């Protein structure tokens, strides 16, 4: 089994395509992803974070398998 990395992103940062969104600072948990470099589409894709109620200080307790 390979362990992944936890990455904290700020607005307008480029990220790898193979990322799992755990948390969003948006109260609804939504993030908007620009996939232009992948598929050429210019519209933003709406994605939902996995955890609705997540406190960043609890990140060390996060466990799971994908």
PDB file of N, CA and C in Angstrom:
ATOM      1  N   UNK A   1       0.839  -1.175   0.000  1.00  0.00           N
ATOM      2  CA  UNK A   1       0.000   0.000   0.000  1.00  0.00           C
ATOM      3  C   UNK A   1       0.887   1.243   0.000  1.00  0.00           C
ATOM      4  N   UNK A   2       0.517   2.215  -0.807  1.00  0.00           N
ATOM      5  CA  UNK A   2       1.258   3.468  -0.882  1.00  0.00           C
ATOM      6  C   UNK A   2       0.512   4.547  -0.128  1.00  0.00           C
ATOM      7  N   UNK A   3       1.216   5.298   0.683  1.00  0.00           N
ATOM      8  CA  UNK A   3       0.599   6.414   1.396  1.00  0.00           C
ATOM      9  C   UNK A   3       0.615   7.651   0.522  1.00  0.00           C
ATOM     10  N   UNK A   4      -0.431   8.447   0.620  1.00  0.00           N
ATOM     11  CA  UNK A   4      -0.511   9.677  -0.140  1.00  0.00           C
ATOM     12  C   UNK A   4      -0.032  10.856   0.684  1.00  0.00           C
ATOM     13  N   UNK A   5      -0.097  12.005   0.091  1.00  0.00           N
ATOM     14  CA  UNK A   5       0.296  13.237   0.756  1.00  0.00           C
ATOM     15  C   UNK A   5      -0.923  14.125   0.935  1.00  0.00           C
ATOM     16  N   UNK A   6      -0.930  14.873   1.999  1.00  0.00           N
ATOM     17  CA  UNK A   6      -1.993  15.856   2.220  1.00  0.00           C
ATOM     18  C   UNK A   6      -1.450  17.194   1.760  1.00  0.00           C
ATOM     19  N   UNK A   7      -2.197  17.848   0.879  1.00  0.00           N
ATOM     20  CA  UNK A   7      -1.774  19.109   0.284  1.00  0.00           C
ATOM     21  C   UNK A   7      -2.797  20.181   0.614  1.00  0.00           C
ATOM     22  N   UNK A   8      -2.345  21.282   1.134  1.00  0.00           N
ATOM     23  CA  UNK A   8      -3.237  22.414   1.384  1.00  0.00           C
ATOM     24  C   UNK A   8      -3.098  23.369   0.206  1.00  0.00           C
ATOM     25  N   UNK A   9      -4.221  23.703  -0.402  1.00  0.00           N
ATOM     26  CA  UNK A   9      -4.227  24.559  -1.581  1.00  0.00           C
ATOM     27  C   UNK A   9      -4.922  25.878  -1.291  1.00  0.00           C
ATOM     28  N   UNK A  10      -4.446  26.901  -1.944  1.00  0.00           N
ATOM     29  CA  UNK A  10      -5.077  28.215  -1.886  1.00  0.00           C
ATOM     30  C   UNK A  10      -5.754  28.468  -3.224  1.00  0.00           C
ATOM     31  N   UNK A  11      -6.558  29.478  -3.283  1.00  0.00           N
ATOM     32  CA  UNK A  11      -7.277  29.828  -4.503  1.00  0.00           C
ATOM     33  C   UNK A  11      -6.324  30.048  -5.669  1.00  0.00           C
ATOM     34  N   UNK A  12      -6.710  29.573  -6.852  1.00  0.00           N
ATOM     35  CA  UNK A  12      -5.990  29.765  -8.115  1.00  0.00           C
ATOM     36  C   UNK A  12      -4.663  29.015  -8.213  1.00  0.00           C
ATOM     37  N   UNK A  13      -4.421  28.012  -7.379  1.00  0.00           N
ATOM     38  CA  UNK A  13      -3.213  27.201  -7.496  1.00  0.00           C
ATOM     39  C   UNK A  13      -3.461  26.038  -8.440  1.00  0.00           C
ATOM     40  N   UNK A  14      -2.450  25.669  -9.224  1.00  0.00           N
ATOM     41  CA  UNK A  14      -2.541  24.486 -10.065  1.00  0.00           C
ATOM     42  C   UNK A  14      -2.248  23.262  -9.204  1.00  0.00           C
ATOM     43  N   UNK A  15      -2.980  22.174  -9.501  1.00  0.00           N
ATOM     44  CA  UNK A  15      -2.825  20.943  -8.723  1.00  0.00           C
ATOM     45  C   UNK A  15      -2.772  19.748  -9.667  1.00  0.00           C
ATOM     46  N   UNK A  16      -2.259  18.613  -9.187  1.00  0.00           N
ATOM     47  CA  UNK A  16      -2.275  17.400 -10.004  1.00  0.00           C
ATOM     48  C   UNK A  16      -3.718  16.969 -10.284  1.00  0.00           C
ATOM     49  N   UNK A  17      -3.916  16.249 -11.373  1.00  0.00           N
ATOM     50  CA  UNK A  17      -5.258  15.804 -11.741  1.00  0.00           C
ATOM     51  C   UNK A  17      -5.787  14.720 -10.803  1.00  0.00           C
ATOM     52  N   UNK A  18      -4.902  13.975 -10.200  1.00  0.00           N
ATOM     53  CA  UNK A  18      -5.321  12.856  -9.343  1.00  0.00           C
ATOM     54  C   UNK A  18      -5.363  13.267  -7.873  1.00  0.00           C
ATOM     55  N   UNK A  19      -6.277  14.173  -7.566  1.00  0.00           N
ATOM     56  CA  UNK A  19      -6.380  14.681  -6.206  1.00  0.00           C
ATOM     57  C   UNK A  19      -7.774  14.393  -5.665  1.00  0.00           C
ATOM     58  N   UNK A  20      -7.855  14.094  -4.391  1.00  0.00           N
ATOM     59  CA  UNK A  20      -9.112  13.840  -3.705  1.00  0.00           C
ATOM     60  C   UNK A  20      -9.400  15.047  -2.826  1.00  0.00           C
ATOM     61  N   UNK A  21     -10.553  15.646  -2.991  1.00  0.00           N
ATOM     62  CA  UNK A  21     -10.904  16.842  -2.217  1.00  0.00           C
ATOM     63  C   UNK A  21     -11.557  16.388  -0.916  1.00  0.00           C
ATOM     64  N   UNK A  22     -10.882  16.645   0.197  1.00  0.00           N
ATOM     65  CA  UNK A  22     -11.381  16.228   1.503  1.00  0.00           C
ATOM     66  C   UNK A  22     -12.200  17.334   2.148  1.00  0.00           C
ATOM     67  N   UNK A  23     -11.739  18.564   2.025  1.00  0.00           N
ATOM     68  CA  UNK A  23     -12.367  19.676   2.734  1.00  0.00           C
ATOM     69  C   UNK A  23     -12.302  20.935   1.890  1.00  0.00           C
ATOM     70  N   UNK A  24     -13.314  21.782   2.033  1.00  0.00           N
ATOM     71  CA  UNK A  24     -13.332  23.085   1.383  1.00  0.00           C
ATOM     72  C   UNK A  24     -13.718  24.134   2.417  1.00  0.00           C
ATOM     73  N   UNK A  25     -13.121  25.307   2.328  1.00  0.00           N
ATOM     74  CA  UNK A  25     -13.491  26.383   3.247  1.00  0.00           C
ATOM     75  C   UNK A  25     -14.863  26.965   2.903  1.00  0.00           C
ATOM     76  N   UNK A  26     -15.387  26.627   1.738  1.00  0.00           N
ATOM     77  CA  UNK A  26     -16.728  27.035   1.351  1.00  0.00           C
ATOM     78  C   UNK A  26     -17.717  26.324   2.279  1.00  0.00           C
ATOM     79  N   UNK A  27     -18.644  27.042   2.924  1.00  0.00           N
ATOM     80  CA  UNK A  27     -19.579  26.412   3.866  1.00  0.00           C
ATOM     81  C   UNK A  27     -20.378  25.250   3.272  1.00  0.00           C
ATOM     82  N   UNK A  28     -20.628  25.278   1.976  1.00  0.00           N
ATOM     83  CA  UNK A  28     -21.375  24.191   1.340  1.00  0.00           C
ATOM     84  C   UNK A  28     -20.475  23.016   0.955  1.00  0.00           C
ATOM     85  N   UNK A  29     -19.154  23.168   1.099  1.00  0.00           N
ATOM     86  CA  UNK A  29     -18.209  22.114   0.743  1.00  0.00           C
ATOM     87  C   UNK A  29     -17.875  22.067  -0.736  1.00  0.00           C
ATOM     88  N   UNK A  30     -18.340  23.051  -1.496  1.00  0.00           N
ATOM     89  CA  UNK A  30     -18.096  23.049  -2.932  1.00  0.00           C
ATOM     90  C   UNK A  30     -16.753  23.668  -3.275  1.00  0.00           C
ATOM     91  N   UNK A  31     -16.137  23.143  -4.334  1.00  0.00           N
ATOM     92  CA  UNK A  31     -14.964  23.752  -4.941  1.00  0.00           C
ATOM     93  C   UNK A  31     -15.240  23.814  -6.442  1.00  0.00           C
ATOM     94  N   UNK A  32     -14.595  24.737  -7.111  1.00  0.00           N
ATOM     95  CA  UNK A  32     -14.780  24.906  -8.546  1.00  0.00           C
ATOM     96  C   UNK A  32     -13.441  24.669  -9.222  1.00  0.00           C
ATOM     97  N   UNK A  33     -13.407  23.702 -10.130  1.00  0.00           N
ATOM     98  CA  UNK A  33     -12.171  23.223 -10.729  1.00  0.00           C
ATOM     99  C   UNK A  33     -12.133  23.595 -12.206  1.00  0.00           C
ATOM    100  N   UNK A  34     -11.023  24.179 -12.621  1.00  0.00           N
ATOM    101  CA  UNK A  34     -10.781  24.502 -14.028  1.00  0.00           C
ATOM    102  C   UNK A  34      -9.999  23.346 -14.634  1.00  0.00           C
ATOM    103  N   UNK A  35     -10.586  22.682 -15.632  1.00  0.00           N
ATOM    104  CA  UNK A  35      -9.946  21.509 -16.242  1.00  0.00           C
ATOM    105  C   UNK A  35      -9.422  21.802 -17.646  1.00  0.00           C
ATOM    106  N   UNK A  36      -9.206  23.058 -17.954  1.00  0.00           N
ATOM    107  CA  UNK A  36      -8.793  23.442 -19.304  1.00  0.00           C
ATOM    108  C   UNK A  36      -7.536  22.694 -19.771  1.00  0.00           C
ATOM    109  N   UNK A  37      -6.569  22.498 -18.893  1.00  0.00           N
ATOM    110  CA  UNK A  37      -5.339  21.799 -19.278  1.00  0.00           C
ATOM    111  C   UNK A  37      -5.573  20.316 -19.559  1.00  0.00           C
ATOM    112  N   UNK A  38      -6.665  19.755 -19.048  1.00  0.00           N
ATOM    113  CA  UNK A  38      -6.961  18.340 -19.263  1.00  0.00           C
ATOM    114  C   UNK A  38      -7.841  18.095 -20.476  1.00  0.00           C
ATOM    115  N   UNK A  39      -8.931  18.858 -20.583  1.00  0.00           N
ATOM    116  CA  UNK A  39      -9.915  18.575 -21.626  1.00  0.00           C
ATOM    117  C   UNK A  39     -10.218  19.761 -22.540  1.00  0.00           C
ATOM    118  N   UNK A  40      -9.569  20.898 -22.305  1.00  0.00           N
ATOM    119  CA  UNK A  40      -9.765  22.066 -23.152  1.00  0.00           C
ATOM    120  C   UNK A  40     -11.024  22.859 -22.858  1.00  0.00           C
ATOM    121  N   UNK A  41     -11.853  22.383 -21.935  1.00  0.00           N
ATOM    122  CA  UNK A  41     -13.079  23.101 -21.590  1.00  0.00           C
ATOM    123  C   UNK A  41     -12.758  24.267 -20.664  1.00  0.00           C
ATOM    124  N   UNK A  42     -13.403  25.388 -20.903  1.00  0.00           N
ATOM    125  CA  UNK A  42     -13.099  26.592 -20.126  1.00  0.00           C
ATOM    126  C   UNK A  42     -14.066  26.834 -18.978  1.00  0.00           C
ATOM    127  N   UNK A  43     -15.158  26.076 -18.918  1.00  0.00           N
ATOM    128  CA  UNK A  43     -16.098  26.275 -17.816  1.00  0.00           C
ATOM    129  C   UNK A  43     -15.596  25.571 -16.560  1.00  0.00           C
ATOM    130  N   UNK A  44     -15.921  26.114 -15.402  1.00  0.00           N
ATOM    131  CA  UNK A  44     -15.506  25.527 -14.133  1.00  0.00           C
ATOM    132  C   UNK A  44     -16.380  24.326 -13.799  1.00  0.00           C
ATOM    133  N   UNK A  45     -15.762  23.279 -13.274  1.00  0.00           N
ATOM    134  CA  UNK A  45     -16.492  22.088 -12.839  1.00  0.00           C
ATOM    135  C   UNK A  45     -16.740  22.206 -11.337  1.00  0.00           C
ATOM    136  N   UNK A  46     -17.959  21.930 -10.923  1.00  0.00           N
ATOM    137  CA  UNK A  46     -18.312  21.972  -9.512  1.00  0.00           C
ATOM    138  C   UNK A  46     -18.019  20.614  -8.889  1.00  0.00           C
ATOM    139  N   UNK A  47     -17.247  20.598  -7.805  1.00  0.00           N
ATOM    140  CA  UNK A  47     -16.906  19.362  -7.102  1.00  0.00           C
ATOM    141  C   UNK A  47     -17.296  19.515  -5.637  1.00  0.00           C
ATOM    142  N   UNK A  48     -17.662  18.408  -5.008  1.00  0.00           N
ATOM    143  CA  UNK A  48     -18.077  18.401  -3.606  1.00  0.00           C
ATOM    144  C   UNK A  48     -16.986  17.767  -2.748  1.00  0.00           C
ATOM    145  N   UNK A  49     -16.589  18.444  -1.672  1.00  0.00           N
ATOM    146  CA  UNK A  49     -15.607  17.883  -0.746  1.00  0.00           C
ATOM    147  C   UNK A  49     -16.228  16.713   0.018  1.00  0.00           C
ATOM    148  N   UNK A  50     -15.402  15.767   0.461  1.00  0.00           N
ATOM    149  CA  UNK A  50     -15.897  14.583   1.158  1.00  0.00           C
ATOM    150  C   UNK A  50     -16.413  14.865   2.558  1.00  0.00           C
ATOM    151  N   UNK A  51     -15.718  15.693   3.306  1.00  0.00           N
ATOM    152  CA  UNK A  51     -16.067  15.940   4.704  1.00  0.00           C
ATOM    153  C   UNK A  51     -16.799  17.270   4.846  1.00  0.00           C
ATOM    154  N   UNK A  52     -18.019  17.196   5.339  1.00  0.00           N
ATOM    155  CA  UNK A  52     -18.777  18.428   5.540  1.00  0.00           C
ATOM    156  C   UNK A  52     -18.282  19.185   6.768  1.00  0.00           C
ATOM    157  N   UNK A  53     -18.062  18.456   7.846  1.00  0.00           N
ATOM    158  CA  UNK A  53     -17.618  19.075   9.093  1.00  0.00           C
ATOM    159  C   UNK A  53     -16.234  18.540   9.433  1.00  0.00           C
ATOM    160  N   UNK A  54     -15.238  19.326   9.105  1.00  0.00           N
ATOM    161  CA  UNK A  54     -13.862  18.879   9.287  1.00  0.00           C
ATOM    162  C   UNK A  54     -13.058  20.027   9.864  1.00  0.00           C
ATOM    163  N   UNK A  55     -12.323  19.747  10.899  1.00  0.00           N
ATOM    164  CA  UNK A  55     -11.471  20.750  11.514  1.00  0.00           C
ATOM    165  C   UNK A  55     -10.032  20.421  11.144  1.00  0.00           C
ATOM    166  N   UNK A  56      -9.332  21.374  10.547  1.00  0.00           N
ATOM    167  CA  UNK A  56      -7.959  21.129  10.078  1.00  0.00           C
ATOM    168  C   UNK A  56      -7.036  20.629  11.178  1.00  0.00           C
ATOM    169  N   UNK A  57      -7.287  20.971  12.426  1.00  0.00           N
ATOM    170  CA  UNK A  57      -6.411  20.510  13.501  1.00  0.00           C
ATOM    171  C   UNK A  57      -6.545  19.006  13.744  1.00  0.00           C
ATOM    172  N   UNK A  58      -7.595  18.386  13.183  1.00  0.00           N
ATOM    173  CA  UNK A  58      -7.793  16.948  13.326  1.00  0.00           C
ATOM    174  C   UNK A  58      -7.190  16.152  12.170  1.00  0.00           C
ATOM    175  N   UNK A  59      -6.374  16.773  11.353  1.00  0.00           N
ATOM    176  CA  UNK A  59      -5.840  16.144  10.147  1.00  0.00           C
ATOM    177  C   UNK A  59      -5.019  14.884  10.471  1.00  0.00           C
ATOM    178  N   UNK A  60      -4.354  14.855  11.598  1.00  0.00           N
ATOM    179  CA  UNK A  60      -3.537  13.690  11.949  1.00  0.00           C
ATOM    180  C   UNK A  60      -4.391  12.478  12.277  1.00  0.00           C
ATOM    181  N   UNK A  61      -5.650  12.684  12.616  1.00  0.00           N
ATOM    182  CA  UNK A  61      -6.554  11.583  12.950  1.00  0.00           C
ATOM    183  C   UNK A  61      -7.277  11.038  11.716  1.00  0.00           C
ATOM    184  N   UNK A  62      -7.097  11.676  10.588  1.00  0.00           N
ATOM    185  CA  UNK A  62      -7.762  11.270   9.355  1.00  0.00           C
ATOM    186  C   UNK A  62      -7.202   9.933   8.870  1.00  0.00           C
ATOM    187  N   UNK A  63      -8.077   8.993   8.612  1.00  0.00           N
ATOM    188  CA  UNK A  63      -7.657   7.673   8.131  1.00  0.00           C
ATOM    189  C   UNK A  63      -8.689   7.194   7.123  1.00  0.00           C
ATOM    190  N   UNK A  64      -8.231   6.454   6.149  1.00  0.00           N
ATOM    191  CA  UNK A  64      -9.156   5.919   5.160  1.00  0.00           C
ATOM    192  C   UNK A  64      -8.425   5.160   4.094  1.00  0.00           C
ATOM    193  N   UNK A  65      -9.209   4.586   3.185  1.00  0.00           N
ATOM    194  CA  UNK A  65      -8.639   3.811   2.101  1.00  0.00           C
ATOM    195  C   UNK A  65      -9.462   4.074   0.853  1.00  0.00           C
ATOM    196  N   UNK A  66      -8.770   4.261  -0.274  1.00  0.00           N
ATOM    197  CA  UNK A  66      -9.437   4.527  -1.552  1.00  0.00           C
ATOM    198  C   UNK A  66      -9.075   3.430  -2.524  1.00  0.00           C
TER     199      UNK A  66
END
